[in-house]
Amino acid sequence: MIYFLGPNMNLDGLVYLIIAIMFGPAILLTIIGFAILKKNKKAAKILFILAAVYVIISLGVCGTLISGF
């Protein structure tokens, strides 16, 4: 019988994927915000706010998944 979650299974890739989901889009929104900061300050401010909200929500959801609750 094949055991899918055996004692020697390495789940490092899954942790890296969850961390990428947590911080990837927020970093991308921040980079785009800095790129358009000189042309359109209002749009850049909205992107910065969206990045902050995304980090807060993702740390709550993904952090709960990582901690095991």
N, C-alpha and C. Protein backbone atom coordinates (compact mmCIF):
# COMPACT_ATOMS: atom_id res chain seq x y z
N MET A 1 0.84 -1.19 0.00
CA MET A 1 0.00 0.00 0.00
C MET A 1 0.88 1.25 0.00
N ILE A 2 0.49 2.23 -0.77
CA ILE A 2 1.25 3.47 -0.88
C ILE A 2 0.74 4.46 0.16
N TYR A 3 1.65 4.99 0.96
CA TYR A 3 1.29 6.01 1.95
C TYR A 3 1.64 7.39 1.39
N PHE A 4 0.65 8.24 1.24
CA PHE A 4 0.88 9.55 0.66
C PHE A 4 1.52 10.51 1.64
N LEU A 5 1.21 10.41 2.89
CA LEU A 5 1.80 11.28 3.90
C LEU A 5 2.65 10.45 4.84
N GLY A 6 3.69 9.88 4.29
CA GLY A 6 4.58 9.03 5.07
C GLY A 6 5.48 9.85 5.97
N PRO A 7 6.23 9.16 6.83
CA PRO A 7 7.08 9.88 7.79
C PRO A 7 8.28 10.57 7.14
N ASN A 8 8.66 10.15 5.93
CA ASN A 8 9.82 10.75 5.27
C ASN A 8 9.43 11.75 4.19
N MET A 9 8.23 12.28 4.24
CA MET A 9 7.77 13.20 3.20
C MET A 9 8.27 14.61 3.48
N ASN A 10 8.77 15.26 2.45
CA ASN A 10 9.29 16.61 2.57
C ASN A 10 8.24 17.60 2.03
N LEU A 11 7.76 18.48 2.90
CA LEU A 11 6.72 19.44 2.51
C LEU A 11 7.25 20.87 2.46
N ASP A 12 8.55 21.03 2.21
CA ASP A 12 9.11 22.38 2.14
C ASP A 12 8.53 23.18 0.98
N GLY A 13 8.28 22.53 -0.14
CA GLY A 13 7.72 23.23 -1.29
C GLY A 13 6.35 23.81 -1.00
N LEU A 14 5.56 23.11 -0.22
CA LEU A 14 4.24 23.60 0.15
C LEU A 14 4.33 24.85 1.02
N VAL A 15 5.28 24.85 1.93
CA VAL A 15 5.49 26.03 2.79
C VAL A 15 5.94 27.22 1.94
N TYR A 16 6.85 26.98 0.99
CA TYR A 16 7.30 28.07 0.12
C TYR A 16 6.16 28.61 -0.74
N LEU A 17 5.28 27.72 -1.19
CA LEU A 17 4.13 28.15 -1.98
C LEU A 17 3.18 29.01 -1.16
N ILE A 18 2.92 28.62 0.07
CA ILE A 18 2.04 29.41 0.92
C ILE A 18 2.65 30.78 1.21
N ILE A 19 3.96 30.83 1.44
CA ILE A 19 4.63 32.11 1.69
C ILE A 19 4.59 32.98 0.44
N ALA A 20 4.75 32.37 -0.74
CA ALA A 20 4.65 33.13 -1.99
C ALA A 20 3.25 33.69 -2.19
N ILE A 21 2.23 32.94 -1.81
CA ILE A 21 0.85 33.43 -1.92
C ILE A 21 0.62 34.56 -0.90
N MET A 22 1.27 34.46 0.25
CA MET A 22 1.09 35.48 1.29
C MET A 22 1.69 36.83 0.87
N PHE A 23 2.89 36.81 0.30
CA PHE A 23 3.60 38.06 0.07
C PHE A 23 3.77 38.44 -1.40
N GLY A 24 3.60 37.51 -2.32
CA GLY A 24 3.83 37.78 -3.73
C GLY A 24 2.99 38.90 -4.32
N PRO A 25 1.67 38.82 -4.24
CA PRO A 25 0.85 39.89 -4.82
C PRO A 25 1.05 41.24 -4.14
N ALA A 26 1.30 41.23 -2.83
CA ALA A 26 1.53 42.50 -2.14
C ALA A 26 2.81 43.16 -2.61
N ILE A 27 3.86 42.37 -2.82
CA ILE A 27 5.12 42.92 -3.33
C ILE A 27 4.92 43.44 -4.75
N LEU A 28 4.18 42.71 -5.56
CA LEU A 28 3.91 43.15 -6.93
C LEU A 28 3.11 44.45 -6.96
N LEU A 29 2.09 44.57 -6.11
CA LEU A 29 1.32 45.81 -6.04
C LEU A 29 2.18 46.98 -5.57
N THR A 30 3.08 46.73 -4.64
CA THR A 30 3.96 47.79 -4.15
C THR A 30 4.92 48.25 -5.24
N ILE A 31 5.47 47.32 -6.00
CA ILE A 31 6.39 47.68 -7.09
C ILE A 31 5.65 48.50 -8.15
N ILE A 32 4.44 48.08 -8.50
CA ILE A 32 3.65 48.85 -9.47
C ILE A 32 3.32 50.23 -8.92
N GLY A 33 3.01 50.30 -7.62
CA GLY A 33 2.72 51.59 -7.00
C GLY A 33 3.90 52.55 -7.06
N PHE A 34 5.10 52.03 -6.79
CA PHE A 34 6.29 52.89 -6.90
C PHE A 34 6.57 53.28 -8.34
N ALA A 35 6.22 52.41 -9.30
CA ALA A 35 6.46 52.72 -10.71
C ALA A 35 5.56 53.85 -11.20
N ILE A 36 4.34 53.94 -10.70
CA ILE A 36 3.42 54.98 -11.18
C ILE A 36 3.29 56.14 -10.20
N LEU A 37 4.14 56.19 -9.21
CA LEU A 37 4.02 57.22 -8.16
C LEU A 37 4.18 58.62 -8.72
N LYS A 38 5.10 58.81 -9.64
CA LYS A 38 5.34 60.17 -10.19
C LYS A 38 4.21 60.63 -11.11
N LYS A 39 3.63 59.70 -11.87
CA LYS A 39 2.59 60.08 -12.82
C LYS A 39 1.23 60.27 -12.16
N ASN A 40 0.86 59.34 -11.28
CA ASN A 40 -0.47 59.37 -10.71
C ASN A 40 -0.39 59.00 -9.23
N LYS A 41 -0.34 60.00 -8.38
CA LYS A 41 -0.17 59.76 -6.95
C LYS A 41 -1.38 59.10 -6.32
N LYS A 42 -2.57 59.42 -6.80
CA LYS A 42 -3.78 58.85 -6.22
C LYS A 42 -3.86 57.34 -6.49
N ALA A 43 -3.55 56.93 -7.72
CA ALA A 43 -3.57 55.50 -8.05
C ALA A 43 -2.49 54.75 -7.29
N ALA A 44 -1.33 55.36 -7.12
CA ALA A 44 -0.25 54.72 -6.36
C ALA A 44 -0.65 54.54 -4.90
N LYS A 45 -1.31 55.53 -4.34
CA LYS A 45 -1.77 55.44 -2.96
C LYS A 45 -2.78 54.31 -2.79
N ILE A 46 -3.67 54.15 -3.76
CA ILE A 46 -4.66 53.07 -3.71
C ILE A 46 -3.96 51.71 -3.79
N LEU A 47 -2.93 51.61 -4.64
CA LEU A 47 -2.20 50.35 -4.75
C LEU A 47 -1.46 50.02 -3.45
N PHE A 48 -0.91 51.03 -2.79
CA PHE A 48 -0.23 50.80 -1.51
C PHE A 48 -1.23 50.33 -0.44
N ILE A 49 -2.40 50.93 -0.44
CA ILE A 49 -3.43 50.51 0.52
C ILE A 49 -3.88 49.08 0.24
N LEU A 50 -4.07 48.75 -1.04
CA LEU A 50 -4.46 47.39 -1.40
C LEU A 50 -3.39 46.37 -0.99
N ALA A 51 -2.12 46.74 -1.16
CA ALA A 51 -1.03 45.85 -0.77
C ALA A 51 -1.04 45.62 0.74
N ALA A 52 -1.27 46.68 1.51
CA ALA A 52 -1.29 46.54 2.97
C ALA A 52 -2.47 45.69 3.42
N VAL A 53 -3.63 45.90 2.82
CA VAL A 53 -4.81 45.11 3.18
C VAL A 53 -4.60 43.65 2.80
N TYR A 54 -3.99 43.41 1.64
CA TYR A 54 -3.73 42.04 1.21
C TYR A 54 -2.79 41.33 2.19
N VAL A 55 -1.76 42.02 2.65
CA VAL A 55 -0.83 41.41 3.61
C VAL A 55 -1.54 41.10 4.92
N ILE A 56 -2.36 42.01 5.39
CA ILE A 56 -3.07 41.77 6.65
C ILE A 56 -4.00 40.57 6.54
N ILE A 57 -4.76 40.48 5.46
CA ILE A 57 -5.68 39.37 5.28
C ILE A 57 -4.93 38.07 5.04
N SER A 58 -3.89 38.10 4.21
CA SER A 58 -3.17 36.86 3.92
C SER A 58 -2.42 36.34 5.13
N LEU A 59 -1.91 37.22 5.98
CA LEU A 59 -1.26 36.75 7.18
C LEU A 59 -2.26 36.11 8.13
N GLY A 60 -3.46 36.58 8.11
CA GLY A 60 -4.49 35.96 8.95
C GLY A 60 -4.91 34.60 8.44
N VAL A 61 -5.19 34.50 7.13
CA VAL A 61 -5.67 33.24 6.56
C VAL A 61 -4.53 32.23 6.42
N CYS A 62 -3.45 32.60 5.75
CA CYS A 62 -2.35 31.66 5.53
C CYS A 62 -1.59 31.40 6.83
N GLY A 63 -1.50 32.37 7.69
CA GLY A 63 -0.85 32.14 8.96
C GLY A 63 -1.58 31.13 9.80
N THR A 64 -2.90 31.15 9.71
CA THR A 64 -3.69 30.15 10.42
C THR A 64 -3.47 28.77 9.80
N LEU A 65 -3.37 28.69 8.48
CA LEU A 65 -3.11 27.41 7.84
C LEU A 65 -1.74 26.87 8.21
N ILE A 66 -0.73 27.73 8.27
CA ILE A 66 0.61 27.28 8.61
C ILE A 66 0.69 26.83 10.05
N SER A 67 0.03 27.55 10.95
CA SER A 67 0.14 27.21 12.36
C SER A 67 -0.64 25.95 12.72
N GLY A 68 -1.57 25.55 11.89
CA GLY A 68 -2.25 24.26 12.10
C GLY A 68 -3.60 24.34 12.80
N PHE A 69 -4.21 25.49 12.86
CA PHE A 69 -5.53 25.57 13.51
C PHE A 69 -6.63 25.26 12.54
